[in-house]
Each structure stands twice: as structure tokens, then as C-alpha cells.
Amino acid sequence: MAIYDTTIGGLDGSPLDLAGLKDRAVLIVNVASRCGLTPQYEGLERLQARYGERGLTVVGVPCNQFAGQEPGSAEEIQAFCSTTYGVTFPMTEKVEVNGPGRHRLYEELTAVADGGGEAGDVQWNFEKFLVAPGGEVVGRFRPRVEPESATVVEAIEAVLPA
């Protein structure tokens, strides 16, 4: 899949090497610091801690398209995530996930349907996409699905490489 060929910057300004993740399961999540769902960072970090050594990488993708809930600079986002939630997983630059300015990564991801058969635009902050090792998007979980829900955990465990 083309996600490994996609260029995206890291929150620190350096390129984020998606190709380096091709042998891992990857959970890509559009995130925001001022959303009612922001506490999902806790569950995402616990998934990273629980499954990181077994081949999972969570990738946070800040986005300010939903009610302006990610207005901060890269430095502000990084400080918030690390001090409030102890985030250790990689974070990308802030991007658009919908509309004409949609980042190429999300062009690929949004073509995949969720469990109800619906593809297309991201609905809100904290929509999750599970990519299996090799690049196939194997799961799409809408924003209100908790990161540690049985549905997400079972999907992750099914594609872990180790």
C-alpha cells in the first residue's frame, strides 16, 4: 500500500519514516488536545506500552479540522502530550484529514470502510486506522471506540508480527 511511500513530517520537524514501520502493526489516529475524546491518549499510550515490543506502533496525527480542537503549535502539542499523558509514540506534523487539503496518508486511509461498511471522511478526532505489517489497512474504528476496547485489542493482536 502507498502509505509507506507517503512523506509526512514528525511533530519535531524531522521526516517521519513510515517505510521503517512496514514490518510492524501500526495504529494511526488523528488526535487533538482540546477534545472531549482527548483522554483517549491514555489508552493509546497503554497500547503502545503493552504491544510495542511485540510489533505495534501507535502514530498520532494532530489535526485542527474539528471545531479547532488542536490549535497549538508543534511545540505546544508536544509539551501537552508528554506532560499530560506521557505520550512516547511518534507524532506527526499537524495535517488535514478531510477536504481538498487532505494529506496523502489520509487519502489512502479514508478509502477503507469501517466495520459498518462506511468509507470516506474521518468523522471526528480520534478515528483509528489499523495497518497490518506489509501495509494493508485491516481496521477502521470510529472516534468513540475506545483504544482499549475488545474490538480494537482483538484486531491488534490478530496482526502483531511477534
Protein backbone atom coordinates (compact mmCIF):
# COMPACT_ATOMS: atom_id res chain seq x y z
CA MET A 1 0.00 0.00 0.00
CA ALA A 2 1.12 3.53 -0.67
CA ILE A 3 1.20 4.64 2.99
CA TYR A 4 4.86 3.61 3.19
CA ASP A 5 5.63 5.79 0.19
CA THR A 6 3.94 8.78 1.81
CA THR A 7 6.05 11.60 3.17
CA ILE A 8 4.93 13.17 6.42
CA GLY A 9 6.84 15.26 8.89
CA GLY A 10 7.26 14.43 12.53
CA LEU A 11 5.99 16.82 15.18
CA ASP A 12 9.62 17.77 15.85
CA GLY A 13 10.05 18.92 12.24
CA SER A 14 12.09 15.95 11.04
CA PRO A 15 10.66 13.49 8.49
CA LEU A 16 8.72 10.58 9.99
CA ASP A 17 9.89 7.37 8.31
CA LEU A 18 6.68 5.44 7.62
CA ALA A 19 8.64 2.94 5.49
CA GLY A 20 10.51 1.99 8.65
CA LEU A 21 7.21 0.72 10.08
CA LYS A 22 6.36 -1.71 7.27
CA ASP A 23 7.17 -4.79 9.36
CA ARG A 24 5.04 -3.58 12.29
CA ALA A 25 1.36 -3.24 13.06
CA VAL A 26 0.55 0.48 13.06
CA LEU A 27 -2.42 2.22 14.67
CA ILE A 28 -2.80 5.65 13.06
CA VAL A 29 -5.01 8.08 14.99
CA ASN A 30 -5.92 11.69 14.26
CA VAL A 31 -5.59 13.45 17.61
CA ALA A 32 -6.49 16.75 19.27
CA SER A 33 -5.57 18.30 22.60
CA ARG A 34 -8.83 20.12 23.37
CA CYS A 35 -11.45 17.49 22.58
CA GLY A 36 -13.81 15.59 24.83
CA LEU A 37 -12.10 12.45 23.50
CA THR A 38 -8.58 13.66 24.36
CA PRO A 39 -8.37 11.27 27.36
CA GLN A 40 -8.07 8.50 24.74
CA TYR A 41 -4.37 9.41 24.73
CA GLU A 42 -4.15 7.34 27.94
CA GLY A 43 -5.45 4.21 26.22
CA LEU A 44 -3.28 4.79 23.16
CA GLU A 45 -0.19 5.09 25.34
CA ARG A 46 -1.14 1.92 27.23
CA LEU A 47 -1.50 0.08 23.90
CA GLN A 48 1.96 1.31 22.88
CA ALA A 49 3.43 0.14 26.19
CA ARG A 50 1.62 -3.20 26.12
CA TYR A 51 2.26 -4.15 22.50
CA GLY A 52 5.25 -2.06 21.39
CA GLU A 53 7.80 -4.82 21.96
CA ARG A 54 5.53 -7.25 20.09
CA GLY A 55 5.46 -5.06 17.00
CA LEU A 56 2.84 -2.31 17.41
CA THR A 57 3.50 1.36 16.81
CA VAL A 58 0.83 3.94 17.56
CA VAL A 59 1.17 7.07 15.41
CA GLY A 60 -0.62 10.26 16.49
CA VAL A 61 -1.62 12.69 13.74
CA PRO A 62 -2.63 16.11 15.10
CA CYS A 63 -5.48 17.73 13.19
CA ASN A 64 -7.28 21.04 13.78
CA GLN A 65 -10.22 20.43 11.39
CA PHE A 66 -12.80 19.52 14.02
CA ALA A 67 -14.05 22.59 15.89
CA GLY A 68 -10.50 23.96 16.13
CA GLN A 69 -9.62 21.50 18.88
CA GLU A 70 -5.89 21.29 18.01
CA PRO A 71 -4.91 24.96 17.68
CA GLY A 72 -1.43 24.77 19.19
CA SER A 73 1.99 24.90 17.63
CA ALA A 74 4.07 21.75 17.28
CA GLU A 75 5.93 22.67 20.46
CA GLU A 76 2.68 23.22 22.39
CA ILE A 77 1.23 19.92 21.16
CA GLN A 78 4.41 18.04 22.10
CA ALA A 79 4.53 19.62 25.56
CA PHE A 80 0.85 18.86 26.19
CA CYS A 81 1.12 15.24 25.07
CA SER A 82 4.26 14.46 27.02
CA THR A 83 3.39 16.27 30.26
CA THR A 84 -0.34 15.48 30.41
CA TYR A 85 -0.40 11.94 29.00
CA GLY A 86 3.23 10.79 28.93
CA VAL A 87 3.00 10.08 25.20
CA THR A 88 6.00 8.15 23.90
CA PHE A 89 4.69 7.07 20.49
CA PRO A 90 5.56 9.04 17.34
CA MET A 91 3.55 12.12 16.48
CA THR A 92 3.36 13.69 13.03
CA GLU A 93 3.10 17.27 11.94
CA LYS A 94 -0.39 18.77 12.08
CA VAL A 95 -2.30 17.89 8.89
CA GLU A 96 -5.76 17.96 7.36
CA VAL A 97 -7.54 14.60 7.21
CA ASN A 98 -10.58 15.70 5.14
CA GLY A 99 -11.34 18.02 2.25
CA PRO A 100 -9.22 19.41 -0.58
CA GLY A 101 -6.17 19.79 1.69
CA ARG A 102 -6.36 16.18 2.90
CA HIS A 103 -2.91 14.75 3.47
CA ARG A 104 -1.94 11.92 1.09
CA LEU A 105 -1.75 9.49 4.02
CA TYR A 106 -5.43 10.08 4.72
CA GLU A 107 -6.32 9.75 1.03
CA GLU A 108 -5.22 6.14 1.43
CA LEU A 109 -6.73 5.55 4.87
CA THR A 110 -10.18 7.03 4.22
CA ALA A 111 -10.69 4.75 1.22
CA VAL A 112 -11.08 1.91 3.74
CA ALA A 113 -14.51 1.14 5.20
CA ASP A 114 -15.25 0.79 8.90
CA GLY A 115 -16.98 -2.27 10.40
CA GLY A 116 -20.33 -0.97 9.16
CA GLY A 117 -19.10 -0.74 5.57
CA GLU A 118 -18.75 3.05 5.52
CA ALA A 119 -15.63 4.60 3.94
CA GLY A 120 -14.94 8.27 3.32
CA ASP A 121 -14.24 11.24 5.52
CA VAL A 122 -12.95 11.00 9.05
CA GLN A 123 -15.88 11.74 11.36
CA TRP A 124 -14.06 13.46 14.25
CA ASN A 125 -10.91 13.45 16.35
CA PHE A 126 -9.53 10.07 17.46
CA GLU A 127 -10.61 7.99 14.48
CA LYS A 128 -8.29 4.97 14.35
CA PHE A 129 -6.87 3.00 11.41
CA LEU A 130 -5.07 -0.30 11.95
CA VAL A 131 -2.43 -1.17 9.37
CA ALA A 132 -1.07 -4.73 9.32
CA PRO A 133 2.62 -5.45 8.69
CA GLY A 134 3.09 -5.07 4.95
CA GLY A 135 0.70 -2.15 4.64
CA GLU A 136 -2.86 -3.45 4.39
CA VAL A 137 -5.36 -1.34 6.31
CA VAL A 138 -7.28 -4.02 8.23
CA GLY A 139 -9.38 -1.98 10.62
CA ARG A 140 -11.09 1.37 10.93
CA PHE A 141 -12.53 2.37 14.27
CA ARG A 142 -14.66 5.46 14.67
CA PRO A 143 -13.82 8.13 17.26
CA ARG A 144 -15.96 6.89 20.15
CA VAL A 145 -14.44 3.40 20.00
CA GLU A 146 -12.03 3.35 22.93
CA PRO A 147 -8.44 2.37 22.09
CA GLU A 148 -8.51 -0.49 24.59
CA SER A 149 -11.92 -1.81 23.58
CA ALA A 150 -12.13 -5.53 22.90
CA THR A 151 -12.72 -4.82 19.20
CA VAL A 152 -9.51 -2.80 18.81
CA VAL A 153 -7.39 -5.08 21.01
CA GLU A 154 -8.53 -8.23 19.17
CA ALA A 155 -7.74 -6.61 15.81
CA ILE A 156 -4.28 -5.56 17.01
CA GLU A 157 -3.50 -8.99 18.46
CA ALA A 158 -4.54 -10.63 15.18
CA VAL A 159 -1.89 -8.74 13.19
CA LEU A 160 1.05 -8.47 15.58
CA PRO A 161 4.19 -9.73 13.87
CA ALA A 162 5.79 -11.15 17.01
